[in-house]
Amino acid sequence: MLYIRKYRTVLFPLLIACSGLIFICLLEYLGAFEGINTYLYDSAFRLRGSRNPSEKFIIAAIDEKTLNTLGTWPIKKNALCQPFR
């Protein structure tokens, strides 16, 4: 009992801090902060402004005819890169 009285000024705030941290983690796990997170994420992109897309990316559509010619999915990388060489 004397040990607890001696360190009560340290243990009580530590207990409160740990309880608060567990409570916040529980709220995060349950999705309570999802709306705030989405709003802040959108705001960051609005503040950054629009950017031109990079020309390094290509969207290649693969249809049934291509799958019949090259084989089943996944298609080998060298077959996918051939048209762009």
Protein backbone atom coordinates (compact mmCIF):
# COMPACT_ATOMS: atom_id res chain seq x y z
CA MET A 1 0.00 0.00 0.00
CA LEU A 2 2.84 2.34 0.80
CA TYR A 3 4.37 1.59 -2.61
CA ILE A 4 1.18 2.72 -4.40
CA ARG A 5 0.92 5.91 -2.33
CA LYS A 6 4.52 6.74 -3.05
CA TYR A 7 4.15 6.47 -6.82
CA ARG A 8 0.50 7.58 -7.11
CA THR A 9 1.50 10.86 -8.76
CA VAL A 10 3.16 8.87 -11.55
CA LEU A 11 0.87 5.83 -11.81
CA PHE A 12 -2.44 7.67 -12.01
CA PRO A 13 -1.54 9.86 -15.03
CA LEU A 14 0.07 6.84 -16.69
CA LEU A 15 -3.10 4.81 -16.18
CA ILE A 16 -5.23 7.64 -17.61
CA ALA A 17 -2.92 7.99 -20.64
CA CYS A 18 -2.95 4.24 -21.36
CA SER A 19 -6.74 4.09 -20.99
CA GLY A 20 -7.13 7.03 -23.36
CA LEU A 21 -4.80 5.45 -25.90
CA ILE A 22 -6.71 2.16 -25.80
CA PHE A 23 -9.99 4.05 -26.20
CA ILE A 24 -8.69 5.98 -29.23
CA CYS A 25 -7.36 2.78 -30.81
CA LEU A 26 -10.76 1.15 -30.31
CA LEU A 27 -12.51 4.10 -31.94
CA GLU A 28 -10.08 3.96 -34.88
CA TYR A 29 -10.69 0.21 -35.26
CA LEU A 30 -14.45 0.77 -35.29
CA GLY A 31 -14.12 3.46 -37.99
CA ALA A 32 -15.08 6.50 -35.94
CA PHE A 33 -12.39 8.65 -37.57
CA GLU A 34 -13.06 7.55 -41.17
CA GLY A 35 -14.99 10.69 -42.08
CA ILE A 36 -12.34 13.00 -40.65
CA ASN A 37 -9.60 11.03 -42.39
CA THR A 38 -11.36 11.22 -45.75
CA TYR A 39 -12.03 14.95 -45.37
CA LEU A 40 -8.39 15.73 -44.50
CA TYR A 41 -7.12 13.54 -47.35
CA ASP A 42 -9.38 15.33 -49.86
CA SER A 43 -8.38 18.73 -48.47
CA ALA A 44 -4.69 17.91 -48.94
CA PHE A 45 -5.29 17.16 -52.63
CA ARG A 46 -7.33 20.34 -53.07
CA LEU A 47 -4.56 22.42 -51.50
CA ARG A 48 -1.94 20.75 -53.67
CA GLY A 49 -3.85 21.59 -56.83
CA SER A 50 -4.19 19.64 -60.03
CA ARG A 51 -1.24 18.07 -61.80
CA ASN A 52 -0.80 16.87 -65.34
CA PRO A 53 -0.70 13.10 -65.61
CA SER A 54 2.62 11.45 -66.40
CA GLU A 55 3.11 10.04 -69.87
CA LYS A 56 5.05 7.08 -68.48
CA PHE A 57 1.89 5.04 -67.99
CA ILE A 58 0.02 3.11 -70.68
CA ILE A 59 -3.33 1.39 -70.33
CA ALA A 60 -3.40 -1.79 -72.39
CA ALA A 61 -6.72 -3.59 -72.83
CA ILE A 62 -6.57 -7.37 -73.14
CA ASP A 63 -9.56 -8.99 -74.82
CA GLU A 64 -10.57 -12.60 -75.47
CA LYS A 65 -8.83 -12.66 -78.86
CA THR A 66 -5.53 -11.67 -77.22
CA LEU A 67 -5.95 -14.31 -74.53
CA ASN A 68 -6.59 -16.97 -77.20
CA THR A 69 -3.44 -15.90 -79.06
CA LEU A 70 -1.05 -15.46 -76.14
CA GLY A 71 -2.42 -18.08 -73.76
CA THR A 72 -4.11 -17.97 -70.39
CA TRP A 73 -3.68 -15.35 -67.73
CA PRO A 74 -1.12 -14.33 -66.47
CA ILE A 75 0.47 -13.38 -69.76
CA LYS A 76 4.27 -13.36 -69.82
CA LYS A 77 5.91 -9.94 -69.50
CA ASN A 78 7.83 -10.22 -72.75
CA ALA A 79 4.55 -10.78 -74.65
CA LEU A 80 3.00 -7.73 -72.98
CA CYS A 81 6.01 -5.50 -73.75
CA GLN A 82 6.33 -6.48 -77.43
CA PRO A 83 3.91 -3.87 -78.85
CA PHE A 84 5.71 -1.04 -77.04
CA ARG A 85 9.25 -1.76 -78.26
